[in-house]
Amino acid sequence: MGRQIIFHGDYFIDFYQNLDDKTKLKIQFVLELIKQVDRIPEKFLAPLTGYDRLFEIRVEFQSNIYRIFCCFDEGNLVILFNGFQKKSQKTPKNEIDRAMRLKNEYFKLKKNNDHDKI
């Protein structure tokens, strides 16, 4: 059985809808890989050092680099938070801070059993 991917809010969807079709296909490919492969290569999914349980999905297409933040829940749920196109070597701190805020919000809502808002 593969992993299930769920979304927290519309953050990822808003990012995804603004991409061109070929980039969307590449992101879909990477998401399918994450759903189905037990040990995902770090080329596609890696933990962010210094940030508790926050991961980044890594997508490269043509000369563009995209990052999508996520975390695991209950062993196999991947929650997709914000995504962005990377323009430099370093991941912008404001994007990481936003992802951490969304992750904390997700777990707080889940703890309060407010699944309608997740």
PDB file of N, CA and C in Angstrom:
ATOM      1  N   MET A   1       0.842  -1.198   0.000  1.00  0.00           N
ATOM      2  CA  MET A   1       0.000   0.000   0.000  1.00  0.00           C
ATOM      3  C   MET A   1       0.877   1.246   0.000  1.00  0.00           C
ATOM      4  N   GLY A   2       0.560   2.199  -0.842  1.00  0.00           N
ATOM      5  CA  GLY A   2       1.349   3.413  -0.940  1.00  0.00           C
ATOM      6  C   GLY A   2       0.917   4.460   0.064  1.00  0.00           C
ATOM      7  N   ARG A   3       1.594   5.575  -0.003  1.00  0.00           N
ATOM      8  CA  ARG A   3       1.248   6.703   0.854  1.00  0.00           C
ATOM      9  C   ARG A   3       0.063   7.455   0.269  1.00  0.00           C
ATOM     10  N   GLN A   4      -0.678   8.069   1.139  1.00  0.00           N
ATOM     11  CA  GLN A   4      -1.776   8.933   0.705  1.00  0.00           C
ATOM     12  C   GLN A   4      -1.268  10.364   0.804  1.00  0.00           C
ATOM     13  N   ILE A   5      -1.575  11.177  -0.175  1.00  0.00           N
ATOM     14  CA  ILE A   5      -1.182  12.586  -0.144  1.00  0.00           C
ATOM     15  C   ILE A   5      -2.418  13.426   0.098  1.00  0.00           C
ATOM     16  N   ILE A   6      -2.340  14.258   1.118  1.00  0.00           N
ATOM     17  CA  ILE A   6      -3.446  15.174   1.383  1.00  0.00           C
ATOM     18  C   ILE A   6      -2.901  16.601   1.404  1.00  0.00           C
ATOM     19  N   PHE A   7      -3.791  17.546   1.294  1.00  0.00           N
ATOM     20  CA  PHE A   7      -3.420  18.958   1.236  1.00  0.00           C
ATOM     21  C   PHE A   7      -3.959  19.685   2.456  1.00  0.00           C
ATOM     22  N   HIS A   8      -3.163  20.576   2.982  1.00  0.00           N
ATOM     23  CA  HIS A   8      -3.618  21.440   4.069  1.00  0.00           C
ATOM     24  C   HIS A   8      -3.961  22.792   3.451  1.00  0.00           C
ATOM     25  N   GLY A   9      -5.220  23.142   3.478  1.00  0.00           N
ATOM     26  CA  GLY A   9      -5.652  24.407   2.866  1.00  0.00           C
ATOM     27  C   GLY A   9      -5.483  24.365   1.356  1.00  0.00           C
ATOM     28  N   ASP A  10      -5.479  25.542   0.737  1.00  0.00           N
ATOM     29  CA  ASP A  10      -5.356  25.655  -0.720  1.00  0.00           C
ATOM     30  C   ASP A  10      -3.977  26.131  -1.151  1.00  0.00           C
ATOM     31  N   TYR A  11      -3.025  26.134  -0.236  1.00  0.00           N
ATOM     32  CA  TYR A  11      -1.711  26.727  -0.514  1.00  0.00           C
ATOM     33  C   TYR A  11      -1.018  26.047  -1.698  1.00  0.00           C
ATOM     34  N   PHE A  12      -0.969  24.718  -1.658  1.00  0.00           N
ATOM     35  CA  PHE A  12      -0.322  23.997  -2.749  1.00  0.00           C
ATOM     36  C   PHE A  12      -1.112  24.154  -4.043  1.00  0.00           C
ATOM     37  N   ILE A  13      -2.428  24.022  -3.969  1.00  0.00           N
ATOM     38  CA  ILE A  13      -3.284  24.125  -5.164  1.00  0.00           C
ATOM     39  C   ILE A  13      -3.092  25.493  -5.833  1.00  0.00           C
ATOM     40  N   ASP A  14      -3.060  26.556  -5.035  1.00  0.00           N
ATOM     41  CA  ASP A  14      -2.860  27.904  -5.587  1.00  0.00           C
ATOM     42  C   ASP A  14      -1.532  28.002  -6.340  1.00  0.00           C
ATOM     43  N   PHE A  15      -0.487  27.417  -5.765  1.00  0.00           N
ATOM     44  CA  PHE A  15       0.839  27.405  -6.399  1.00  0.00           C
ATOM     45  C   PHE A  15       0.791  26.583  -7.700  1.00  0.00           C
ATOM     46  N   TYR A  16       0.222  25.401  -7.604  1.00  0.00           N
ATOM     47  CA  TYR A  16       0.194  24.439  -8.710  1.00  0.00           C
ATOM     48  C   TYR A  16      -0.586  24.964  -9.916  1.00  0.00           C
ATOM     49  N   GLN A  17      -1.699  25.621  -9.665  1.00  0.00           N
ATOM     50  CA  GLN A  17      -2.559  26.091 -10.759  1.00  0.00           C
ATOM     51  C   GLN A  17      -1.871  27.124 -11.646  1.00  0.00           C
ATOM     52  N   ASN A  18      -0.865  27.810 -11.115  1.00  0.00           N
ATOM     53  CA  ASN A  18      -0.176  28.842 -11.895  1.00  0.00           C
ATOM     54  C   ASN A  18       0.993  28.314 -12.724  1.00  0.00           C
ATOM     55  N   LEU A  19       1.216  27.007 -12.707  1.00  0.00           N
ATOM     56  CA  LEU A  19       2.331  26.423 -13.444  1.00  0.00           C
ATOM     57  C   LEU A  19       1.891  25.990 -14.837  1.00  0.00           C
ATOM     58  N   ASP A  20       2.873  25.863 -15.743  1.00  0.00           N
ATOM     59  CA  ASP A  20       2.536  25.382 -17.085  1.00  0.00           C
ATOM     60  C   ASP A  20       2.320  23.862 -17.044  1.00  0.00           C
ATOM     61  N   ASP A  21       1.695  23.333 -18.080  1.00  0.00           N
ATOM     62  CA  ASP A  21       1.281  21.925 -18.093  1.00  0.00           C
ATOM     63  C   ASP A  21       2.450  20.949 -17.945  1.00  0.00           C
ATOM     64  N   LYS A  22       3.575  21.237 -18.574  1.00  0.00           N
ATOM     65  CA  LYS A  22       4.714  20.311 -18.502  1.00  0.00           C
ATOM     66  C   LYS A  22       5.309  20.282 -17.096  1.00  0.00           C
ATOM     67  N   THR A  23       5.335  21.424 -16.431  1.00  0.00           N
ATOM     68  CA  THR A  23       5.814  21.467 -15.047  1.00  0.00           C
ATOM     69  C   THR A  23       4.849  20.707 -14.142  1.00  0.00           C
ATOM     70  N   LYS A  24       3.562  20.866 -14.377  1.00  0.00           N
ATOM     71  CA  LYS A  24       2.561  20.121 -13.602  1.00  0.00           C
ATOM     72  C   LYS A  24       2.770  18.615 -13.744  1.00  0.00           C
ATOM     73  N   LEU A  25       3.054  18.153 -14.967  1.00  0.00           N
ATOM     74  CA  LEU A  25       3.288  16.724 -15.202  1.00  0.00           C
ATOM     75  C   LEU A  25       4.502  16.224 -14.420  1.00  0.00           C
ATOM     76  N   LYS A  26       5.549  17.030 -14.380  1.00  0.00           N
ATOM     77  CA  LYS A  26       6.748  16.638 -13.636  1.00  0.00           C
ATOM     78  C   LYS A  26       6.440  16.559 -12.142  1.00  0.00           C
ATOM     79  N   ILE A  27       5.680  17.512 -11.626  1.00  0.00           N
ATOM     80  CA  ILE A  27       5.298  17.483 -10.209  1.00  0.00           C
ATOM     81  C   ILE A  27       4.426  16.260  -9.934  1.00  0.00           C
ATOM     82  N   GLN A  28       3.497  15.954 -10.837  1.00  0.00           N
ATOM     83  CA  GLN A  28       2.660  14.762 -10.677  1.00  0.00           C
ATOM     84  C   GLN A  28       3.509  13.494 -10.643  1.00  0.00           C
ATOM     85  N   PHE A  29       4.542  13.437 -11.489  1.00  0.00           N
ATOM     86  CA  PHE A  29       5.448  12.295 -11.513  1.00  0.00           C
ATOM     87  C   PHE A  29       6.129  12.118 -10.153  1.00  0.00           C
ATOM     88  N   VAL A  30       6.649  13.204  -9.606  1.00  0.00           N
ATOM     89  CA  VAL A  30       7.346  13.136  -8.322  1.00  0.00           C
ATOM     90  C   VAL A  30       6.373  12.759  -7.197  1.00  0.00           C
ATOM     91  N   LEU A  31       5.167  13.304  -7.213  1.00  0.00           N
ATOM     92  CA  LEU A  31       4.172  12.958  -6.196  1.00  0.00           C
ATOM     93  C   LEU A  31       3.790  11.477  -6.277  1.00  0.00           C
ATOM     94  N   GLU A  32       3.656  10.944  -7.481  1.00  0.00           N
ATOM     95  CA  GLU A  32       3.365   9.515  -7.641  1.00  0.00           C
ATOM     96  C   GLU A  32       4.500   8.662  -7.089  1.00  0.00           C
ATOM     97  N   LEU A  33       5.722   9.098  -7.335  1.00  0.00           N
ATOM     98  CA  LEU A  33       6.896   8.405  -6.805  1.00  0.00           C
ATOM     99  C   LEU A  33       6.846   8.362  -5.275  1.00  0.00           C
ATOM    100  N   ILE A  34       6.528   9.495  -4.677  1.00  0.00           N
ATOM    101  CA  ILE A  34       6.441   9.585  -3.213  1.00  0.00           C
ATOM    102  C   ILE A  34       5.326   8.676  -2.690  1.00  0.00           C
ATOM    103  N   LYS A  35       4.228   8.598  -3.424  1.00  0.00           N
ATOM    104  CA  LYS A  35       3.114   7.744  -3.003  1.00  0.00           C
ATOM    105  C   LYS A  35       3.486   6.267  -3.039  1.00  0.00           C
ATOM    106  N   GLN A  36       4.308   5.863  -4.006  1.00  0.00           N
ATOM    107  CA  GLN A  36       4.486   4.442  -4.276  1.00  0.00           C
ATOM    108  C   GLN A  36       5.817   3.836  -3.849  1.00  0.00           C
ATOM    109  N   VAL A  37       6.873   4.626  -3.744  1.00  0.00           N
ATOM    110  CA  VAL A  37       8.201   4.082  -3.455  1.00  0.00           C
ATOM    111  C   VAL A  37       8.472   4.122  -1.956  1.00  0.00           C
ATOM    112  N   ASP A  38       8.924   2.984  -1.396  1.00  0.00           N
ATOM    113  CA  ASP A  38       9.206   2.923   0.044  1.00  0.00           C
ATOM    114  C   ASP A  38      10.318   3.887   0.451  1.00  0.00           C
ATOM    115  N   ARG A  39      11.447   3.768  -0.210  1.00  0.00           N
ATOM    116  CA  ARG A  39      12.596   4.630   0.105  1.00  0.00           C
ATOM    117  C   ARG A  39      12.768   5.645  -1.017  1.00  0.00           C
ATOM    118  N   ILE A  40      12.326   6.845  -0.754  1.00  0.00           N
ATOM    119  CA  ILE A  40      12.340   7.895  -1.771  1.00  0.00           C
ATOM    120  C   ILE A  40      13.742   8.520  -1.816  1.00  0.00           C
ATOM    121  N   PRO A  41      14.358   8.592  -2.994  1.00  0.00           N
ATOM    122  CA  PRO A  41      15.686   9.215  -3.086  1.00  0.00           C
ATOM    123  C   PRO A  41      15.646  10.677  -2.630  1.00  0.00           C
ATOM    124  N   GLU A  42      16.736  11.111  -1.975  1.00  0.00           N
ATOM    125  CA  GLU A  42      16.806  12.503  -1.492  1.00  0.00           C
ATOM    126  C   GLU A  42      16.730  13.512  -2.621  1.00  0.00           C
ATOM    127  N   LYS A  43      16.994  13.058  -3.824  1.00  0.00           N
ATOM    128  CA  LYS A  43      16.855  13.947  -4.978  1.00  0.00           C
ATOM    129  C   LYS A  43      15.429  14.477  -5.078  1.00  0.00           C
ATOM    130  N   PHE A  44      14.459  13.680  -4.586  1.00  0.00           N
ATOM    131  CA  PHE A  44      13.047  14.042  -4.687  1.00  0.00           C
ATOM    132  C   PHE A  44      12.404  14.469  -3.373  1.00  0.00           C
ATOM    133  N   LEU A  45      12.933  13.994  -2.250  1.00  0.00           N
ATOM    134  CA  LEU A  45      12.344  14.317  -0.948  1.00  0.00           C
ATOM    135  C   LEU A  45      13.444  14.324   0.103  1.00  0.00           C
ATOM    136  N   ALA A  46      13.560  15.427   0.826  1.00  0.00           N
ATOM    137  CA  ALA A  46      14.619  15.524   1.831  1.00  0.00           C
ATOM    138  C   ALA A  46      14.123  16.310   3.039  1.00  0.00           C
ATOM    139  N   PRO A  47      14.612  15.914   4.231  1.00  0.00           N
ATOM    140  CA  PRO A  47      14.255  16.683   5.425  1.00  0.00           C
ATOM    141  C   PRO A  47      14.998  18.018   5.425  1.00  0.00           C
ATOM    142  N   LEU A  48      14.377  19.025   6.001  1.00  0.00           N
ATOM    143  CA  LEU A  48      15.046  20.316   6.155  1.00  0.00           C
ATOM    144  C   LEU A  48      15.762  20.322   7.498  1.00  0.00           C
ATOM    145  N   THR A  49      17.048  20.442   7.473  1.00  0.00           N
ATOM    146  CA  THR A  49      17.852  20.419   8.689  1.00  0.00           C
ATOM    147  C   THR A  49      17.481  21.583   9.601  1.00  0.00           C
ATOM    148  N   GLY A  50      17.250  21.253  10.863  1.00  0.00           N
ATOM    149  CA  GLY A  50      16.954  22.298  11.843  1.00  0.00           C
ATOM    150  C   GLY A  50      15.478  22.651  11.954  1.00  0.00           C
ATOM    151  N   TYR A  51      14.647  21.983  11.176  1.00  0.00           N
ATOM    152  CA  TYR A  51      13.207  22.259  11.220  1.00  0.00           C
ATOM    153  C   TYR A  51      12.490  20.949  11.513  1.00  0.00           C
ATOM    154  N   ASP A  52      11.814  20.904  12.626  1.00  0.00           N
ATOM    155  CA  ASP A  52      11.203  19.684  13.137  1.00  0.00           C
ATOM    156  C   ASP A  52      10.202  19.070  12.161  1.00  0.00           C
ATOM    157  N   ARG A  53      10.528  17.908  11.651  1.00  0.00           N
ATOM    158  CA  ARG A  53       9.656  17.091  10.795  1.00  0.00           C
ATOM    159  C   ARG A  53       9.164  17.802   9.531  1.00  0.00           C
ATOM    160  N   LEU A  54       9.908  18.792   9.064  1.00  0.00           N
ATOM    161  CA  LEU A  54       9.540  19.468   7.819  1.00  0.00           C
ATOM    162  C   LEU A  54      10.415  18.922   6.690  1.00  0.00           C
ATOM    163  N   PHE A  55       9.763  18.570   5.594  1.00  0.00           N
ATOM    164  CA  PHE A  55      10.465  18.033   4.430  1.00  0.00           C
ATOM    165  C   PHE A  55      10.209  18.928   3.236  1.00  0.00           C
ATOM    166  N   GLU A  56      11.087  18.810   2.235  1.00  0.00           N
ATOM    167  CA  GLU A  56      10.821  19.505   0.983  1.00  0.00           C
ATOM    168  C   GLU A  56      10.827  18.492  -0.147  1.00  0.00           C
ATOM    169  N   ILE A  57       9.803  18.597  -0.979  1.00  0.00           N
ATOM    170  CA  ILE A  57       9.730  17.813  -2.207  1.00  0.00           C
ATOM    171  C   ILE A  57      10.497  18.621  -3.238  1.00  0.00           C
ATOM    172  N   ARG A  58      11.412  17.952  -3.904  1.00  0.00           N
ATOM    173  CA  ARG A  58      12.292  18.635  -4.856  1.00  0.00           C
ATOM    174  C   ARG A  58      11.912  18.249  -6.276  1.00  0.00           C
ATOM    175  N   VAL A  59      11.609  19.254  -7.079  1.00  0.00           N
ATOM    176  CA  VAL A  59      11.239  19.020  -8.469  1.00  0.00           C
ATOM    177  C   VAL A  59      12.113  19.901  -9.347  1.00  0.00           C
ATOM    178  N   GLU A  60      12.792  19.267 -10.302  1.00  0.00           N
ATOM    179  CA  GLU A  60      13.563  20.031 -11.275  1.00  0.00           C
ATOM    180  C   GLU A  60      12.971  19.771 -12.644  1.00  0.00           C
ATOM    181  N   PHE A  61      12.748  20.844 -13.375  1.00  0.00           N
ATOM    182  CA  PHE A  61      12.211  20.700 -14.723  1.00  0.00           C
ATOM    183  C   PHE A  61      12.838  21.765 -15.601  1.00  0.00           C
ATOM    184  N   GLN A  62      13.432  21.321 -16.696  1.00  0.00           N
ATOM    185  CA  GLN A  62      14.211  22.187 -17.572  1.00  0.00           C
ATOM    186  C   GLN A  62      15.241  22.882 -16.686  1.00  0.00           C
ATOM    187  N   SER A  63      15.330  24.170 -16.665  1.00  0.00           N
ATOM    188  CA  SER A  63      16.342  24.799 -15.813  1.00  0.00           C
ATOM    189  C   SER A  63      15.710  25.389 -14.549  1.00  0.00           C
ATOM    190  N   ASN A  64      14.484  24.995 -14.254  1.00  0.00           N
ATOM    191  CA  ASN A  64      13.782  25.519 -13.081  1.00  0.00           C
ATOM    192  C   ASN A  64      13.788  24.519 -11.934  1.00  0.00           C
ATOM    193  N   ILE A  65      13.841  25.064 -10.727  1.00  0.00           N
ATOM    194  CA  ILE A  65      13.816  24.242  -9.528  1.00  0.00           C
ATOM    195  C   ILE A  65      12.610  24.668  -8.696  1.00  0.00           C
ATOM    196  N   TYR A  66      11.834  23.684  -8.272  1.00  0.00           N
ATOM    197  CA  TYR A  66      10.643  23.948  -7.467  1.00  0.00           C
ATOM    198  C   TYR A  66      10.768  23.204  -6.149  1.00  0.00           C
ATOM    199  N   ARG A  67      10.202  23.797  -5.108  1.00  0.00           N
ATOM    200  CA  ARG A  67      10.174  23.168  -3.797  1.00  0.00           C
ATOM    201  C   ARG A  67       8.747  23.204  -3.274  1.00  0.00           C
ATOM    202  N   ILE A  68       8.345  22.083  -2.666  1.00  0.00           N
ATOM    203  CA  ILE A  68       7.023  21.976  -2.063  1.00  0.00           C
ATOM    204  C   ILE A  68       7.234  21.425  -0.661  1.00  0.00           C
ATOM    205  N   PHE A  69       6.768  22.142   0.331  1.00  0.00           N
ATOM    206  CA  PHE A  69       6.973  21.707   1.709  1.00  0.00           C
ATOM    207  C   PHE A  69       5.898  20.726   2.144  1.00  0.00           C
ATOM    208  N   CYS A  70       6.305  19.784   2.982  1.00  0.00           N
ATOM    209  CA  CYS A  70       5.377  18.773   3.454  1.00  0.00           C
ATOM    210  C   CYS A  70       5.878  18.164   4.756  1.00  0.00           C
ATOM    211  N   CYS A  71       5.066  17.312   5.340  1.00  0.00           N
ATOM    212  CA  CYS A  71       5.477  16.529   6.498  1.00  0.00           C
ATOM    213  C   CYS A  71       4.706  15.221   6.456  1.00  0.00           C
ATOM    214  N   PHE A  72       5.104  14.297   7.284  1.00  0.00           N
ATOM    215  CA  PHE A  72       4.401  13.019   7.362  1.00  0.00           C
ATOM    216  C   PHE A  72       3.488  13.041   8.568  1.00  0.00           C
ATOM    217  N   ASP A  73       2.403  12.310   8.461  1.00  0.00           N
ATOM    218  CA  ASP A  73       1.455  12.201   9.555  1.00  0.00           C
ATOM    219  C   ASP A  73       0.965  10.762   9.592  1.00  0.00           C
ATOM    220  N   GLU A  74       0.976  10.173  10.762  1.00  0.00           N
ATOM    221  CA  GLU A  74       0.524   8.789  10.935  1.00  0.00           C
ATOM    222  C   GLU A  74       1.251   7.836  10.003  1.00  0.00           C
ATOM    223  N   GLY A  75       2.523   8.090   9.810  1.00  0.00           N
ATOM    224  CA  GLY A  75       3.349   7.157   9.051  1.00  0.00           C
ATOM    225  C   GLY A  75       3.307   7.295   7.550  1.00  0.00           C
ATOM    226  N   ASN A  76       2.165   7.631   6.974  1.00  0.00           N
ATOM    227  CA  ASN A  76       2.156   7.648   5.516  1.00  0.00           C
ATOM    228  C   ASN A  76       1.398   8.801   4.879  1.00  0.00           C
ATOM    229  N   LEU A  77       0.822   9.664   5.632  1.00  0.00           N
ATOM    230  CA  LEU A  77       0.146  10.801   5.017  1.00  0.00           C
ATOM    231  C   LEU A  77       1.169  11.897   4.754  1.00  0.00           C
ATOM    232  N   VAL A  78       1.148  12.440   3.573  1.00  0.00           N
ATOM    233  CA  VAL A  78       2.033  13.548   3.255  1.00  0.00           C
ATOM    234  C   VAL A  78       1.147  14.770   3.093  1.00  0.00           C
ATOM    235  N   ILE A  79       1.398  15.783   3.896  1.00  0.00           N
ATOM    236  CA  ILE A  79       0.572  16.979   3.843  1.00  0.00           C
ATOM    237  C   ILE A  79       1.323  18.032   3.037  1.00  0.00           C
ATOM    238  N   LEU A  80       0.734  18.488   1.961  1.00  0.00           N
ATOM    239  CA  LEU A  80       1.416  19.468   1.123  1.00  0.00           C
ATOM    240  C   LEU A  80       1.042  20.878   1.553  1.00  0.00           C
ATOM    241  N   PHE A  81       2.075  21.632   1.833  1.00  0.00           N
ATOM    242  CA  PHE A  81       1.883  23.027   2.228  1.00  0.00           C
ATOM    243  C   PHE A  81       2.225  23.914   1.036  1.00  0.00           C
ATOM    244  N   ASN A  82       2.913  24.988   1.292  1.00  0.00           N
ATOM    245  CA  ASN A  82       3.244  25.932   0.231  1.00  0.00           C
ATOM    246  C   ASN A  82       4.323  25.403  -0.702  1.00  0.00           C
ATOM    247  N   GLY A  83       4.316  25.898  -1.928  1.00  0.00           N
ATOM    248  CA  GLY A  83       5.337  25.582  -2.910  1.00  0.00           C
ATOM    249  C   GLY A  83       5.830  26.869  -3.546  1.00  0.00           C
ATOM    250  N   PHE A  84       7.018  26.812  -4.141  1.00  0.00           N
ATOM    251  CA  PHE A  84       7.556  28.002  -4.788  1.00  0.00           C
ATOM    252  C   PHE A  84       8.625  27.589  -5.780  1.00  0.00           C
ATOM    253  N   GLN A  85       8.959  28.515  -6.683  1.00  0.00           N
ATOM    254  CA  GLN A  85      10.059  28.289  -7.612  1.00  0.00           C
ATOM    255  C   GLN A  85      11.314  28.847  -6.972  1.00  0.00           C
ATOM    256  N   LYS A  86      12.336  28.032  -6.925  1.00  0.00           N
ATOM    257  CA  LYS A  86      13.582  28.419  -6.275  1.00  0.00           C
ATOM    258  C   LYS A  86      14.427  29.232  -7.247  1.00  0.00           C
ATOM    259  N   LYS A  87      14.902  30.386  -6.786  1.00  0.00           N
ATOM    260  CA  LYS A  87      15.660  31.278  -7.662  1.00  0.00           C
ATOM    261  C   LYS A  87      17.135  31.347  -7.274  1.00  0.00           C
ATOM    262  N   SER A  88      17.489  30.803  -6.099  1.00  0.00           N
ATOM    263  CA  SER A  88      18.885  30.857  -5.657  1.00  0.00           C
ATOM    264  C   SER A  88      19.234  29.556  -4.946  1.00  0.00           C
ATOM    265  N   GLN A  89      20.494  29.398  -4.549  1.00  0.00           N
ATOM    266  CA  GLN A  89      20.948  28.186  -3.869  1.00  0.00           C
ATOM    267  C   GLN A  89      20.213  27.960  -2.558  1.00  0.00           C
ATOM    268  N   LYS A  90      20.001  29.038  -1.832  1.00  0.00           N
ATOM    269  CA  LYS A  90      19.422  28.938  -0.501  1.00  0.00           C
ATOM    270  C   LYS A  90      17.900  29.035  -0.555  1.00  0.00           C
ATOM    271  N   THR A  91      17.235  28.174   0.198  1.00  0.00           N
ATOM    272  CA  THR A  91      15.775  28.251   0.291  1.00  0.00           C
ATOM    273  C   THR A  91      15.424  29.485   1.126  1.00  0.00           C
ATOM    274  N   PRO A  92      14.564  30.363   0.612  1.00  0.00           N
ATOM    275  CA  PRO A  92      14.218  31.590   1.353  1.00  0.00           C
ATOM    276  C   PRO A  92      13.616  31.276   2.731  1.00  0.00           C
ATOM    277  N   LYS A  93      14.131  31.960   3.743  1.00  0.00           N
ATOM    278  CA  LYS A  93      13.677  31.729   5.117  1.00  0.00           C
ATOM    279  C   LYS A  93      12.182  32.006   5.269  1.00  0.00           C
ATOM    280  N   ASN A  94      11.668  33.017   4.575  1.00  0.00           N
ATOM    281  CA  ASN A  94      10.238  33.323   4.707  1.00  0.00           C
ATOM    282  C   ASN A  94       9.369  32.165   4.213  1.00  0.00           C
ATOM    283  N   GLU A  95       9.837  31.418   3.198  1.00  0.00           N
ATOM    284  CA  GLU A  95       9.089  30.253   2.713  1.00  0.00           C
ATOM    285  C   GLU A  95       9.121  29.125   3.745  1.00  0.00           C
ATOM    286  N   ILE A  96      10.286  28.923   4.376  1.00  0.00           N
ATOM    287  CA  ILE A  96      10.404  27.886   5.409  1.00  0.00           C
ATOM    288  C   ILE A  96       9.543  28.260   6.614  1.00  0.00           C
ATOM    289  N   ASP A  97       9.603  29.521   7.024  1.00  0.00           N
ATOM    290  CA  ASP A  97       8.796  29.978   8.158  1.00  0.00           C
ATOM    291  C   ASP A  97       7.308  29.780   7.887  1.00  0.00           C
ATOM    292  N   ARG A  98       6.901  30.078   6.666  1.00  0.00           N
ATOM    293  CA  ARG A  98       5.496  29.901   6.286  1.00  0.00           C
ATOM    294  C   ARG A  98       5.115  28.419   6.370  1.00  0.00           C
ATOM    295  N   ALA A  99       5.980  27.541   5.871  1.00  0.00           N
ATOM    296  CA  ALA A  99       5.714  26.106   5.918  1.00  0.00           C
ATOM    297  C   ALA A  99       5.620  25.605   7.360  1.00  0.00           C
ATOM    298  N   MET A 100       6.499  26.086   8.231  1.00  0.00           N
ATOM    299  CA  MET A 100       6.455  25.679   9.639  1.00  0.00           C
ATOM    300  C   MET A 100       5.148  26.151  10.287  1.00  0.00           C
ATOM    301  N   ARG A 101       4.744  27.364   9.956  1.00  0.00           N
ATOM    302  CA  ARG A 101       3.491  27.904  10.485  1.00  0.00           C
ATOM    303  C   ARG A 101       2.309  27.040  10.023  1.00  0.00           C
ATOM    304  N   LEU A 102       2.308  26.656   8.746  1.00  0.00           N
ATOM    305  CA  LEU A 102       1.231  25.823   8.200  1.00  0.00           C
ATOM    306  C   LEU A 102       1.250  24.427   8.818  1.00  0.00           C
ATOM    307  N   LYS A 103       2.434  23.874   9.027  1.00  0.00           N
ATOM    308  CA  LYS A 103       2.541  22.550   9.654  1.00  0.00           C
ATOM    309  C   LYS A 103       1.988  22.591  11.074  1.00  0.00           C
ATOM    310  N   ASN A 104       2.370  23.599  11.834  1.00  0.00           N
ATOM    311  CA  ASN A 104       1.873  23.734  13.205  1.00  0.00           C
ATOM    312  C   ASN A 104       0.361  23.927  13.228  1.00  0.00           C
ATOM    313  N   GLU A 105      -0.137  24.709  12.277  1.00  0.00           N
ATOM    314  CA  GLU A 105      -1.581  24.943  12.154  1.00  0.00           C
ATOM    315  C   GLU A 105      -2.297  23.622  11.854  1.00  0.00           C
ATOM    316  N   TYR A 106      -1.747  22.834  10.943  1.00  0.00           N
ATOM    317  CA  TYR A 106      -2.339  21.546  10.580  1.00  0.00           C
ATOM    318  C   TYR A 106      -2.479  20.649  11.813  1.00  0.00           C
ATOM    319  N   PHE A 107      -1.383  20.489  12.563  1.00  0.00           N
ATOM    320  CA  PHE A 107      -1.421  19.583  13.717  1.00  0.00           C
ATOM    321  C   PHE A 107      -2.293  20.131  14.844  1.00  0.00           C
ATOM    322  N   LYS A 108      -2.351  21.437  14.968  1.00  0.00           N
ATOM    323  CA  LYS A 108      -3.231  22.039  15.979  1.00  0.00           C
ATOM    324  C   LYS A 108      -4.702  21.777  15.621  1.00  0.00           C
ATOM    325  N   LEU A 109      -5.064  21.981  14.365  1.00  0.00           N
ATOM    326  CA  LEU A 109      -6.431  21.705  13.921  1.00  0.00           C
ATOM    327  C   LEU A 109      -6.764  20.224  14.082  1.00  0.00           C
ATOM    328  N   LYS A 110      -5.805  19.372  13.750  1.00  0.00           N
ATOM    329  CA  LYS A 110      -6.034  17.935  13.870  1.00  0.00           C
ATOM    330  C   LYS A 110      -6.235  17.546  15.330  1.00  0.00           C
ATOM    331  N   LYS A 111      -5.415  18.095  16.206  1.00  0.00           N
ATOM    332  CA  LYS A 111      -5.518  17.799  17.640  1.00  0.00           C
ATOM    333  C   LYS A 111      -6.879  18.222  18.184  1.00  0.00           C
ATOM    334  N   ASN A 112      -7.386  19.346  17.680  1.00  0.00           N
ATOM    335  CA  ASN A 112      -8.683  19.849  18.109  1.00  0.00           C
ATOM    336  C   ASN A 112      -9.826  19.175  17.356  1.00  0.00           C
ATOM    337  N   ASN A 113      -9.472  18.186  16.515  1.00  0.00           N
ATOM    338  CA  ASN A 113     -10.458  17.438  15.728  1.00  0.00           C
ATOM    339  C   ASN A 113     -11.303  18.326  14.824  1.00  0.00           C
ATOM    340  N   ASP A 114     -10.701  19.356  14.293  1.00  0.00           N
ATOM    341  CA  ASP A 114     -11.411  20.287  13.415  1.00  0.00           C
ATOM    342  C   ASP A 114     -11.079  19.946  11.969  1.00  0.00           C
ATOM    343  N   HIS A 115     -11.462  18.751  11.526  1.00  0.00           N
ATOM    344  CA  HIS A 115     -11.053  18.249  10.210  1.00  0.00           C
ATOM    345  C   HIS A 115     -11.637  19.063   9.056  1.00  0.00           C
ATOM    346  N   ASP A 116     -12.697  19.798   9.288  1.00  0.00           N
ATOM    347  CA  ASP A 116     -13.277  20.580   8.193  1.00  0.00           C
ATOM    348  C   ASP A 116     -12.326  21.662   7.705  1.00  0.00           C
ATOM    349  N   LYS A 117     -11.442  22.137   8.589  1.00  0.00           N
ATOM    350  CA  LYS A 117     -10.557  23.230   8.225  1.00  0.00           C
ATOM    351  C   LYS A 117      -9.198  22.753   7.710  1.00  0.00           C
ATOM    352  N   ILE A 118      -8.931  21.466   7.819  1.00  0.00           N
ATOM    353  CA  ILE A 118      -7.634  20.945   7.389  1.00  0.00           C
ATOM    354  C   ILE A 118      -7.558  20.891   5.880  1.00  0.00           C
TER     355      ILE A 118
END
